[in-house]
Amino acid sequence: MKTLKFTPELVSLVLSGEKTSTWRLFDDKDLQEGDELSLIHKETGEEFSKAIIVTVKEKKLKDLTEDDFEGHEKYESEEKMYEAYRKYYGDKVMPDTVIKMIDFNLCEKG
């Protein structure tokens, strides 16, 4: 089973159903529709839920629209979004970087 890690502030959004989408860059797990996921609390390393991927879309960061943010947390500005992703992925994050948008449904809560 593939795993996805979430920061503590996102765990509660996932469990409440407010966050139903996650965006990943440089996908080294080959995440695909139908994949079963183990959702992991990044700080504790513990599984907090299981999920299944229902849709996967790819798009360049510079091409994101308001609709793409449905089920995903919003950023104060485009620059704040780039700052957030550079924190996770380093300085290689640019407007032309492809982002994988993954919509998921929870299967069980941990």
PDB file of N, CA and C in Angstrom:
ATOM      1  N   MET A   1       0.848  -1.180   0.000  1.00  0.00           N
ATOM      2  CA  MET A   1       0.000   0.000   0.000  1.00  0.00           C
ATOM      3  C   MET A   1       0.892   1.241   0.000  1.00  0.00           C
ATOM      4  N   LYS A   2       0.513   2.211  -0.811  1.00  0.00           N
ATOM      5  CA  LYS A   2       1.275   3.454  -0.894  1.00  0.00           C
ATOM      6  C   LYS A   2       0.933   4.352   0.292  1.00  0.00           C
ATOM      7  N   THR A   3       1.890   5.165   0.697  1.00  0.00           N
ATOM      8  CA  THR A   3       1.668   6.061   1.830  1.00  0.00           C
ATOM      9  C   THR A   3       1.779   7.522   1.392  1.00  0.00           C
ATOM     10  N   LEU A   4       1.012   8.367   2.056  1.00  0.00           N
ATOM     11  CA  LEU A   4       1.125   9.814   1.891  1.00  0.00           C
ATOM     12  C   LEU A   4       1.217  10.416   3.279  1.00  0.00           C
ATOM     13  N   LYS A   5       2.160  11.339   3.448  1.00  0.00           N
ATOM     14  CA  LYS A   5       2.335  11.998   4.737  1.00  0.00           C
ATOM     15  C   LYS A   5       1.647  13.355   4.720  1.00  0.00           C
ATOM     16  N   PHE A   6       1.085  13.708   5.866  1.00  0.00           N
ATOM     17  CA  PHE A   6       0.423  14.999   6.031  1.00  0.00           C
ATOM     18  C   PHE A   6       0.947  15.675   7.288  1.00  0.00           C
ATOM     19  N   THR A   7       1.137  16.990   7.210  1.00  0.00           N
ATOM     20  CA  THR A   7       1.558  17.763   8.377  1.00  0.00           C
ATOM     21  C   THR A   7       0.419  17.792   9.391  1.00  0.00           C
ATOM     22  N   PRO A   8       0.739  18.019  10.668  1.00  0.00           N
ATOM     23  CA  PRO A   8      -0.292  17.975  11.720  1.00  0.00           C
ATOM     24  C   PRO A   8      -1.499  18.874  11.438  1.00  0.00           C
ATOM     25  N   GLU A   9      -1.273  20.067  10.906  1.00  0.00           N
ATOM     26  CA  GLU A   9      -2.402  20.973  10.661  1.00  0.00           C
ATOM     27  C   GLU A   9      -3.323  20.470   9.549  1.00  0.00           C
ATOM     28  N   LEU A  10      -2.832  19.600   8.685  1.00  0.00           N
ATOM     29  CA  LEU A  10      -3.663  19.060   7.607  1.00  0.00           C
ATOM     30  C   LEU A  10      -4.408  17.785   8.023  1.00  0.00           C
ATOM     31  N   VAL A  11      -3.884  17.069   9.010  1.00  0.00           N
ATOM     32  CA  VAL A  11      -4.514  15.815   9.446  1.00  0.00           C
ATOM     33  C   VAL A  11      -5.972  16.057   9.843  1.00  0.00           C
ATOM     34  N   SER A  12      -6.217  17.095  10.646  1.00  0.00           N
ATOM     35  CA  SER A  12      -7.597  17.355  11.097  1.00  0.00           C
ATOM     36  C   SER A  12      -8.490  17.757   9.931  1.00  0.00           C
ATOM     37  N   LEU A  13      -7.941  18.473   8.936  1.00  0.00           N
ATOM     38  CA  LEU A  13      -8.737  18.844   7.756  1.00  0.00           C
ATOM     39  C   LEU A  13      -9.118  17.609   6.948  1.00  0.00           C
ATOM     40  N   VAL A  14      -8.206  16.648   6.845  1.00  0.00           N
ATOM     41  CA  VAL A  14      -8.493  15.397   6.134  1.00  0.00           C
ATOM     42  C   VAL A  14      -9.579  14.624   6.883  1.00  0.00           C
ATOM     43  N   LEU A  15      -9.410  14.479   8.187  1.00  0.00           N
ATOM     44  CA  LEU A  15     -10.356  13.682   8.975  1.00  0.00           C
ATOM     45  C   LEU A  15     -11.745  14.311   9.028  1.00  0.00           C
ATOM     46  N   SER A  16     -11.819  15.641   8.946  1.00  0.00           N
ATOM     47  CA  SER A  16     -13.118  16.315   8.980  1.00  0.00           C
ATOM     48  C   SER A  16     -13.829  16.266   7.628  1.00  0.00           C
ATOM     49  N   GLY A  17     -13.087  15.867   6.578  1.00  0.00           N
ATOM     50  CA  GLY A  17     -13.660  15.823   5.235  1.00  0.00           C
ATOM     51  C   GLY A  17     -13.533  17.139   4.490  1.00  0.00           C
ATOM     52  N   GLU A  18     -12.915  18.133   5.136  1.00  0.00           N
ATOM     53  CA  GLU A  18     -12.716  19.429   4.486  1.00  0.00           C
ATOM     54  C   GLU A  18     -11.648  19.341   3.396  1.00  0.00           C
ATOM     55  N   LYS A  19     -10.624  18.527   3.642  1.00  0.00           N
ATOM     56  CA  LYS A  19      -9.545  18.326   2.675  1.00  0.00           C
ATOM     57  C   LYS A  19      -9.731  16.964   2.015  1.00  0.00           C
ATOM     58  N   THR A  20     -10.044  16.986   0.726  1.00  0.00           N
ATOM     59  CA  THR A  20     -10.263  15.748  -0.027  1.00  0.00           C
ATOM     60  C   THR A  20      -9.322  15.651  -1.223  1.00  0.00           C
ATOM     61  N   SER A  21      -8.359  16.566  -1.252  1.00  0.00           N
ATOM     62  CA  SER A  21      -7.421  16.612  -2.363  1.00  0.00           C
ATOM     63  C   SER A  21      -6.036  16.938  -1.815  1.00  0.00           C
ATOM     64  N   THR A  22      -5.033  16.310  -2.384  1.00  0.00           N
ATOM     65  CA  THR A  22      -3.652  16.639  -2.034  1.00  0.00           C
ATOM     66  C   THR A  22      -2.873  16.832  -3.317  1.00  0.00           C
ATOM     67  N   TRP A  23      -1.912  17.725  -3.269  1.00  0.00           N
ATOM     68  CA  TRP A  23      -1.094  18.011  -4.442  1.00  0.00           C
ATOM     69  C   TRP A  23       0.321  17.554  -4.159  1.00  0.00           C
ATOM     70  N   ARG A  24       0.871  16.833  -5.113  1.00  0.00           N
ATOM     71  CA  ARG A  24       2.227  16.319  -4.951  1.00  0.00           C
ATOM     72  C   ARG A  24       3.051  16.682  -6.178  1.00  0.00           C
ATOM     73  N   LEU A  25       4.311  17.016  -5.934  1.00  0.00           N
ATOM     74  CA  LEU A  25       5.248  17.336  -7.004  1.00  0.00           C
ATOM     75  C   LEU A  25       6.270  16.209  -7.081  1.00  0.00           C
ATOM     76  N   PHE A  26       6.819  16.015  -8.261  1.00  0.00           N
ATOM     77  CA  PHE A  26       7.890  15.031  -8.459  1.00  0.00           C
ATOM     78  C   PHE A  26       7.478  13.672  -7.889  1.00  0.00           C
ATOM     79  N   ASP A  27       6.315  13.193  -8.310  1.00  0.00           N
ATOM     80  CA  ASP A  27       5.717  11.967  -7.772  1.00  0.00           C
ATOM     81  C   ASP A  27       6.627  10.764  -7.993  1.00  0.00           C
ATOM     82  N   ASP A  28       7.221  10.283  -6.911  1.00  0.00           N
ATOM     83  CA  ASP A  28       8.106   9.115  -6.999  1.00  0.00           C
ATOM     84  C   ASP A  28       7.361   7.827  -6.667  1.00  0.00           C
ATOM     85  N   LYS A  29       6.063   7.939  -6.392  1.00  0.00           N
ATOM     86  CA  LYS A  29       5.265   6.762  -6.022  1.00  0.00           C
ATOM     87  C   LYS A  29       4.358   6.303  -7.154  1.00  0.00           C
ATOM     88  N   ASP A  30       4.335   7.032  -8.253  1.00  0.00           N
ATOM     89  CA  ASP A  30       3.463   6.713  -9.383  1.00  0.00           C
ATOM     90  C   ASP A  30       2.016   6.557  -8.914  1.00  0.00           C
ATOM     91  N   LEU A  31       1.517   7.582  -8.237  1.00  0.00           N
ATOM     92  CA  LEU A  31       0.149   7.567  -7.711  1.00  0.00           C
ATOM     93  C   LEU A  31      -0.858   7.551  -8.851  1.00  0.00           C
ATOM     94  N   GLN A  32      -1.816   6.620  -8.770  1.00  0.00           N
ATOM     95  CA  GLN A  32      -2.798   6.421  -9.840  1.00  0.00           C
ATOM     96  C   GLN A  32      -4.197   6.265  -9.257  1.00  0.00           C
ATOM     97  N   GLU A  33      -5.195   6.551 -10.109  1.00  0.00           N
ATOM     98  CA  GLU A  33      -6.585   6.310  -9.734  1.00  0.00           C
ATOM     99  C   GLU A  33      -6.744   4.866  -9.268  1.00  0.00           C
ATOM    100  N   GLY A  34      -7.487   4.682  -8.167  1.00  0.00           N
ATOM    101  CA  GLY A  34      -7.728   3.335  -7.647  1.00  0.00           C
ATOM    102  C   GLY A  34      -6.711   2.876  -6.619  1.00  0.00           C
ATOM    103  N   ASP A  35      -5.588   3.578  -6.487  1.00  0.00           N
ATOM    104  CA  ASP A  35      -4.583   3.192  -5.489  1.00  0.00           C
ATOM    105  C   ASP A  35      -5.162   3.329  -4.084  1.00  0.00           C
ATOM    106  N   GLU A  36      -4.854   2.347  -3.240  1.00  0.00           N
ATOM    107  CA  GLU A  36      -5.201   2.434  -1.823  1.00  0.00           C
ATOM    108  C   GLU A  36      -4.043   3.104  -1.106  1.00  0.00           C
ATOM    109  N   LEU A  37      -4.378   3.997  -0.176  1.00  0.00           N
ATOM    110  CA  LEU A  37      -3.364   4.791   0.511  1.00  0.00           C
ATOM    111  C   LEU A  37      -3.436   4.596   2.013  1.00  0.00           C
ATOM    112  N   SER A  38      -2.281   4.632   2.630  1.00  0.00           N
ATOM    113  CA  SER A  38      -2.177   4.739   4.069  1.00  0.00           C
ATOM    114  C   SER A  38      -1.781   6.190   4.335  1.00  0.00           C
ATOM    115  N   LEU A  39      -2.627   6.935   5.066  1.00  0.00           N
ATOM    116  CA  LEU A  39      -2.359   8.339   5.351  1.00  0.00           C
ATOM    117  C   LEU A  39      -1.619   8.431   6.681  1.00  0.00           C
ATOM    118  N   ILE A  40      -0.467   9.092   6.648  1.00  0.00           N
ATOM    119  CA  ILE A  40       0.461   9.096   7.777  1.00  0.00           C
ATOM    120  C   ILE A  40       0.608  10.507   8.346  1.00  0.00           C
ATOM    121  N   HIS A  41       0.566  10.597   9.672  1.00  0.00           N
ATOM    122  CA  HIS A  41       0.852  11.851  10.389  1.00  0.00           C
ATOM    123  C   HIS A  41       2.360  12.064  10.279  1.00  0.00           C
ATOM    124  N   LYS A  42       2.775  13.151   9.637  1.00  0.00           N
ATOM    125  CA  LYS A  42       4.190  13.362   9.329  1.00  0.00           C
ATOM    126  C   LYS A  42       5.078  13.378  10.572  1.00  0.00           C
ATOM    127  N   GLU A  43       4.599  13.950  11.675  1.00  0.00           N
ATOM    128  CA  GLU A  43       5.451  14.073  12.862  1.00  0.00           C
ATOM    129  C   GLU A  43       5.515  12.801  13.692  1.00  0.00           C
ATOM    130  N   THR A  44       4.413  12.058  13.773  1.00  0.00           N
ATOM    131  CA  THR A  44       4.405  10.859  14.626  1.00  0.00           C
ATOM    132  C   THR A  44       4.740   9.588  13.841  1.00  0.00           C
ATOM    133  N   GLY A  45       4.563   9.641  12.516  1.00  0.00           N
ATOM    134  CA  GLY A  45       4.793   8.460  11.700  1.00  0.00           C
ATOM    135  C   GLY A  45       3.661   7.445  11.775  1.00  0.00           C
ATOM    136  N   GLU A  46       2.584   7.797  12.476  1.00  0.00           N
ATOM    137  CA  GLU A  46       1.468   6.870  12.646  1.00  0.00           C
ATOM    138  C   GLU A  46       0.411   7.066  11.566  1.00  0.00           C
ATOM    139  N   GLU A  47      -0.216   5.953  11.173  1.00  0.00           N
ATOM    140  CA  GLU A  47      -1.320   6.016  10.222  1.00  0.00           C
ATOM    141  C   GLU A  47      -2.540   6.609  10.923  1.00  0.00           C
ATOM    142  N   PHE A  48      -3.174   7.606  10.271  1.00  0.00           N
ATOM    143  CA  PHE A  48      -4.388   8.168  10.868  1.00  0.00           C
ATOM    144  C   PHE A  48      -5.634   7.831  10.061  1.00  0.00           C
ATOM    145  N   SER A  49      -5.467   7.297   8.862  1.00  0.00           N
ATOM    146  CA  SER A  49      -6.610   6.871   8.065  1.00  0.00           C
ATOM    147  C   SER A  49      -6.119   6.112   6.840  1.00  0.00           C
ATOM    148  N   LYS A  50      -7.081   5.503   6.156  1.00  0.00           N
ATOM    149  CA  LYS A  50      -6.823   4.898   4.846  1.00  0.00           C
ATOM    150  C   LYS A  50      -7.705   5.636   3.848  1.00  0.00           C
ATOM    151  N   ALA A  51      -7.273   5.635   2.595  1.00  0.00           N
ATOM    152  CA  ALA A  51      -8.035   6.331   1.561  1.00  0.00           C
ATOM    153  C   ALA A  51      -7.840   5.612   0.238  1.00  0.00           C
ATOM    154  N   ILE A  52      -8.676   5.990  -0.725  1.00  0.00           N
ATOM    155  CA  ILE A  52      -8.529   5.486  -2.085  1.00  0.00           C
ATOM    156  C   ILE A  52      -8.532   6.680  -3.029  1.00  0.00           C
ATOM    157  N   ILE A  53      -7.656   6.628  -4.020  1.00  0.00           N
ATOM    158  CA  ILE A  53      -7.565   7.721  -4.987  1.00  0.00           C
ATOM    159  C   ILE A  53      -8.715   7.589  -5.981  1.00  0.00           C
ATOM    160  N   VAL A  54      -9.494   8.676  -6.137  1.00  0.00           N
ATOM    161  CA  VAL A  54     -10.622   8.644  -7.073  1.00  0.00           C
ATOM    162  C   VAL A  54     -10.309   9.347  -8.386  1.00  0.00           C
ATOM    163  N   THR A  55      -9.493  10.387  -8.376  1.00  0.00           N
ATOM    164  CA  THR A  55      -9.067  11.024  -9.625  1.00  0.00           C
ATOM    165  C   THR A  55      -7.650  11.564  -9.469  1.00  0.00           C
ATOM    166  N   VAL A  56      -6.944  11.612 -10.585  1.00  0.00           N
ATOM    167  CA  VAL A  56      -5.610  12.188 -10.637  1.00  0.00           C
ATOM    168  C   VAL A  56      -5.552  13.092 -11.861  1.00  0.00           C
ATOM    169  N   LYS A  57      -5.121  14.329 -11.656  1.00  0.00           N
ATOM    170  CA  LYS A  57      -4.919  15.266 -12.763  1.00  0.00           C
ATOM    171  C   LYS A  57      -3.536  15.865 -12.629  1.00  0.00           C
ATOM    172  N   GLU A  58      -2.961  16.258 -13.760  1.00  0.00           N
ATOM    173  CA  GLU A  58      -1.671  16.934 -13.726  1.00  0.00           C
ATOM    174  C   GLU A  58      -1.790  18.273 -14.430  1.00  0.00           C
ATOM    175  N   LYS A  59      -1.054  19.258 -13.898  1.00  0.00           N
ATOM    176  CA  LYS A  59      -1.121  20.604 -14.433  1.00  0.00           C
ATOM    177  C   LYS A  59       0.114  21.359 -13.963  1.00  0.00           C
ATOM    178  N   LYS A  60       0.556  22.340 -14.732  1.00  0.00           N
ATOM    179  CA  LYS A  60       1.668  23.173 -14.287  1.00  0.00           C
ATOM    180  C   LYS A  60       1.165  24.132 -13.205  1.00  0.00           C
ATOM    181  N   LEU A  61       2.012  24.414 -12.240  1.00  0.00           N
ATOM    182  CA  LEU A  61       1.632  25.323 -11.154  1.00  0.00           C
ATOM    183  C   LEU A  61       1.082  26.643 -11.683  1.00  0.00           C
ATOM    184  N   LYS A  62       1.696  27.171 -12.720  1.00  0.00           N
ATOM    185  CA  LYS A  62       1.276  28.481 -13.247  1.00  0.00           C
ATOM    186  C   LYS A  62      -0.106  28.428 -13.897  1.00  0.00           C
ATOM    187  N   ASP A  63      -0.614  27.223 -14.192  1.00  0.00           N
ATOM    188  CA  ASP A  63      -1.902  27.076 -14.880  1.00  0.00           C
ATOM    189  C   ASP A  63      -3.060  26.749 -13.935  1.00  0.00           C
ATOM    190  N   LEU A  64      -2.814  26.740 -12.624  1.00  0.00           N
ATOM    191  CA  LEU A  64      -3.879  26.428 -11.674  1.00  0.00           C
ATOM    192  C   LEU A  64      -4.979  27.482 -11.722  1.00  0.00           C
ATOM    193  N   THR A  65      -6.224  27.019 -11.553  1.00  0.00           N
ATOM    194  CA  THR A  65      -7.370  27.927 -11.514  1.00  0.00           C
ATOM    195  C   THR A  65      -8.057  27.793 -10.157  1.00  0.00           C
ATOM    196  N   GLU A  66      -8.996  28.675  -9.892  1.00  0.00           N
ATOM    197  CA  GLU A  66      -9.753  28.645  -8.630  1.00  0.00           C
ATOM    198  C   GLU A  66     -10.418  27.281  -8.429  1.00  0.00           C
ATOM    199  N   ASP A  67     -10.942  26.690  -9.500  1.00  0.00           N
ATOM    200  CA  ASP A  67     -11.616  25.388  -9.408  1.00  0.00           C
ATOM    201  C   ASP A  67     -10.686  24.283  -8.917  1.00  0.00           C
ATOM    202  N   ASP A  68      -9.394  24.411  -9.223  1.00  0.00           N
ATOM    203  CA  ASP A  68      -8.433  23.383  -8.811  1.00  0.00           C
ATOM    204  C   ASP A  68      -8.285  23.302  -7.291  1.00  0.00           C
ATOM    205  N   PHE A  69      -8.681  24.367  -6.590  1.00  0.00           N
ATOM    206  CA  PHE A  69      -8.513  24.408  -5.141  1.00  0.00           C
ATOM    207  C   PHE A  69      -9.669  23.742  -4.385  1.00  0.00           C
ATOM    208  N   GLU A  70     -10.661  23.235  -5.092  1.00  0.00           N
ATOM    209  CA  GLU A  70     -11.780  22.572  -4.419  1.00  0.00           C
ATOM    210  C   GLU A  70     -11.268  21.346  -3.666  1.00  0.00           C
ATOM    211  N   GLY A  71     -11.547  21.297  -2.353  1.00  0.00           N
ATOM    212  CA  GLY A  71     -11.089  20.186  -1.527  1.00  0.00           C
ATOM    213  C   GLY A  71      -9.649  20.311  -1.084  1.00  0.00           C
ATOM    214  N   HIS A  72      -9.015  21.442  -1.398  1.00  0.00           N
ATOM    215  CA  HIS A  72      -7.609  21.672  -1.062  1.00  0.00           C
ATOM    216  C   HIS A  72      -7.491  23.005  -0.349  1.00  0.00           C
ATOM    217  N   GLU A  73      -6.538  23.105   0.563  1.00  0.00           N
ATOM    218  CA  GLU A  73      -6.360  24.377   1.251  1.00  0.00           C
ATOM    219  C   GLU A  73      -5.919  25.467   0.273  1.00  0.00           C
ATOM    220  N   LYS A  74      -6.350  26.696   0.556  1.00  0.00           N
ATOM    221  CA  LYS A  74      -6.011  27.822  -0.313  1.00  0.00           C
ATOM    222  C   LYS A  74      -4.822  28.574   0.281  1.00  0.00           C
ATOM    223  N   TYR A  75      -4.141  29.312  -0.559  1.00  0.00           N
ATOM    224  CA  TYR A  75      -2.987  30.099  -0.140  1.00  0.00           C
ATOM    225  C   TYR A  75      -3.326  31.577  -0.246  1.00  0.00           C
ATOM    226  N   GLU A  76      -2.688  32.394   0.612  1.00  0.00           N
ATOM    227  CA  GLU A  76      -2.937  33.839   0.606  1.00  0.00           C
ATOM    228  C   GLU A  76      -2.620  34.461  -0.747  1.00  0.00           C
ATOM    229  N   SER A  77      -1.588  33.930  -1.392  1.00  0.00           N
ATOM    230  CA  SER A  77      -1.148  34.477  -2.677  1.00  0.00           C
ATOM    231  C   SER A  77      -0.400  33.387  -3.440  1.00  0.00           C
ATOM    232  N   GLU A  78      -0.140  33.660  -4.700  1.00  0.00           N
ATOM    233  CA  GLU A  78       0.627  32.712  -5.505  1.00  0.00           C
ATOM    234  C   GLU A  78       2.022  32.530  -4.909  1.00  0.00           C
ATOM    235  N   GLU A  79       2.618  33.628  -4.446  1.00  0.00           N
ATOM    236  CA  GLU A  79       3.962  33.558  -3.870  1.00  0.00           C
ATOM    237  C   GLU A  79       3.978  32.689  -2.608  1.00  0.00           C
ATOM    238  N   LYS A  80       2.934  32.783  -1.785  1.00  0.00           N
ATOM    239  CA  LYS A  80       2.843  31.942  -0.577  1.00  0.00           C
ATOM    240  C   LYS A  80       2.747  30.463  -0.962  1.00  0.00           C
ATOM    241  N   MET A  81       2.047  30.185  -2.054  1.00  0.00           N
ATOM    242  CA  MET A  81       1.946  28.805  -2.529  1.00  0.00           C
ATOM    243  C   MET A  81       3.331  28.288  -2.932  1.00  0.00           C
ATOM    244  N   TYR A  82       4.080  29.114  -3.684  1.00  0.00           N
ATOM    245  CA  TYR A  82       5.425  28.693  -4.085  1.00  0.00           C
ATOM    246  C   TYR A  82       6.315  28.499  -2.863  1.00  0.00           C
ATOM    247  N   GLU A  83       6.212  29.384  -1.882  1.00  0.00           N
ATOM    248  CA  GLU A  83       7.000  29.254  -0.650  1.00  0.00           C
ATOM    249  C   GLU A  83       6.695  27.934   0.037  1.00  0.00           C
ATOM    250  N   ALA A  84       5.403  27.592   0.123  1.00  0.00           N
ATOM    251  CA  ALA A  84       4.998  26.348   0.790  1.00  0.00           C
ATOM    252  C   ALA A  84       5.600  25.138   0.084  1.00  0.00           C
ATOM    253  N   TYR A  85       5.519  25.094  -1.241  1.00  0.00           N
ATOM    254  CA  TYR A  85       6.036  23.934  -1.963  1.00  0.00           C
ATOM    255  C   TYR A  85       7.551  23.897  -1.981  1.00  0.00           C
ATOM    256  N   ARG A  86       8.196  25.058  -1.948  1.00  0.00           N
ATOM    257  CA  ARG A  86       9.666  25.074  -1.867  1.00  0.00           C
ATOM    258  C   ARG A  86      10.127  24.560  -0.507  1.00  0.00           C
ATOM    259  N   LYS A  87       9.309  24.764   0.535  1.00  0.00           N
ATOM    260  CA  LYS A  87       9.640  24.243   1.868  1.00  0.00           C
ATOM    261  C   LYS A  87       9.694  22.714   1.824  1.00  0.00           C
ATOM    262  N   TYR A  88       8.764  22.107   1.087  1.00  0.00           N
ATOM    263  CA  TYR A  88       8.718  20.641   0.990  1.00  0.00           C
ATOM    264  C   TYR A  88       9.684  20.072  -0.048  1.00  0.00           C
ATOM    265  N   TYR A  89       9.813  20.769  -1.183  1.00  0.00           N
ATOM    266  CA  TYR A  89      10.518  20.182  -2.335  1.00  0.00           C
ATOM    267  C   TYR A  89      11.789  20.914  -2.746  1.00  0.00           C
ATOM    268  N   GLY A  90      12.111  22.039  -2.123  1.00  0.00           N
ATOM    269  CA  GLY A  90      13.338  22.761  -2.451  1.00  0.00           C
ATOM    270  C   GLY A  90      13.149  23.784  -3.562  1.00  0.00           C
ATOM    271  N   ASP A  91      14.259  24.403  -3.945  1.00  0.00           N
ATOM    272  CA  ASP A  91      14.238  25.522  -4.886  1.00  0.00           C
ATOM    273  C   ASP A  91      13.907  25.143  -6.322  1.00  0.00           C
ATOM    274  N   LYS A  92      13.771  23.842  -6.605  1.00  0.00           N
ATOM    275  CA  LYS A  92      13.461  23.434  -7.977  1.00  0.00           C
ATOM    276  C   LYS A  92      11.998  23.669  -8.342  1.00  0.00           C
ATOM    277  N   VAL A  93      11.175  24.139  -7.395  1.00  0.00           N
ATOM    278  CA  VAL A  93       9.765  24.423  -7.660  1.00  0.00           C
ATOM    279  C   VAL A  93       9.651  25.742  -8.408  1.00  0.00           C
ATOM    280  N   MET A  94       9.116  25.677  -9.634  1.00  0.00           N
ATOM    281  CA  MET A  94       8.986  26.836 -10.515  1.00  0.00           C
ATOM    282  C   MET A  94       7.578  26.860 -11.120  1.00  0.00           C
ATOM    283  N   PRO A  95       7.205  27.970 -11.766  1.00  0.00           N
ATOM    284  CA  PRO A  95       5.874  28.032 -12.395  1.00  0.00           C
ATOM    285  C   PRO A  95       5.603  26.893 -13.378  1.00  0.00           C
ATOM    286  N   ASP A  96       6.629  26.385 -14.055  1.00  0.00           N
ATOM    287  CA  ASP A  96       6.445  25.305 -15.028  1.00  0.00           C
ATOM    288  C   ASP A  96       6.461  23.911 -14.390  1.00  0.00           C
ATOM    289  N   THR A  97       6.669  23.845 -13.079  1.00  0.00           N
ATOM    290  CA  THR A  97       6.678  22.555 -12.393  1.00  0.00           C
ATOM    291  C   THR A  97       5.287  21.928 -12.474  1.00  0.00           C
ATOM    292  N   VAL A  98       5.252  20.647 -12.837  1.00  0.00           N
ATOM    293  CA  VAL A  98       3.977  19.926 -12.932  1.00  0.00           C
ATOM    294  C   VAL A  98       3.578  19.435 -11.548  1.00  0.00           C
ATOM    295  N   ILE A  99       2.325  19.676 -11.224  1.00  0.00           N
ATOM    296  CA  ILE A  99       1.769  19.253  -9.943  1.00  0.00           C
ATOM    297  C   ILE A  99       0.756  18.140 -10.213  1.00  0.00           C
ATOM    298  N   LYS A 100       0.779  17.134  -9.369  1.00  0.00           N
ATOM    299  CA  LYS A 100      -0.186  16.038  -9.492  1.00  0.00           C
ATOM    300  C   LYS A 100      -1.269  16.288  -8.457  1.00  0.00           C
ATOM    301  N   MET A 101      -2.495  16.498  -8.914  1.00  0.00           N
ATOM    302  CA  MET A 101      -3.631  16.780  -8.044  1.00  0.00           C
ATOM    303  C   MET A 101      -4.383  15.469  -7.821  1.00  0.00           C
ATOM    304  N   ILE A 102      -4.429  15.045  -6.565  1.00  0.00           N
ATOM    305  CA  ILE A 102      -4.969  13.736  -6.214  1.00  0.00           C
ATOM    306  C   ILE A 102      -6.199  13.921  -5.339  1.00  0.00           C
ATOM    307  N   ASP A 103      -7.359  13.516  -5.853  1.00  0.00           N
ATOM    308  CA  ASP A 103      -8.592  13.531  -5.070  1.00  0.00           C
ATOM    309  C   ASP A 103      -8.770  12.159  -4.458  1.00  0.00           C
ATOM    310  N   PHE A 104      -9.139  12.128  -3.183  1.00  0.00           N
ATOM    311  CA  PHE A 104      -9.262  10.845  -2.499  1.00  0.00           C
ATOM    312  C   PHE A 104     -10.504  10.812  -1.624  1.00  0.00           C
ATOM    313  N   ASN A 105     -10.946   9.595  -1.328  1.00  0.00           N
ATOM    314  CA  ASN A 105     -12.027   9.344  -0.376  1.00  0.00           C
ATOM    315  C   ASN A 105     -11.464   8.530   0.762  1.00  0.00           C
ATOM    316  N   LEU A 106     -11.825   8.892   1.980  1.00  0.00           N
ATOM    317  CA  LEU A 106     -11.391   8.106   3.140  1.00  0.00           C
ATOM    318  C   LEU A 106     -12.128   6.780   3.169  1.00  0.00           C
ATOM    319  N   CYS A 107     -11.403   5.730   3.545  1.00  0.00           N
ATOM    320  CA  CYS A 107     -12.009   4.393   3.676  1.00  0.00           C
ATOM    321  C   CYS A 107     -12.334   4.099   5.130  1.00  0.00           C
ATOM    322  N   GLU A 108     -11.443   4.489   6.005  1.00  0.00           N
ATOM    323  CA  GLU A 108     -11.658   4.276   7.442  1.00  0.00           C
ATOM    324  C   GLU A 108     -10.828   5.294   8.182  1.00  0.00           C
ATOM    325  N   LYS A 109     -11.284   5.697   9.326  1.00  0.00           N
ATOM    326  CA  LYS A 109     -10.529   6.644  10.140  1.00  0.00           C
ATOM    327  C   LYS A 109      -9.743   5.889  11.179  1.00  0.00           C
ATOM    328  N   GLY A 110      -8.505   6.326  11.373  1.00  0.00           N
ATOM    329  CA  GLY A 110      -7.627   5.644  12.307  1.00  0.00           C
ATOM    330  C   GLY A 110      -7.876   6.002  13.741  1.00  0.00           C
TER     331      GLY A 110
END
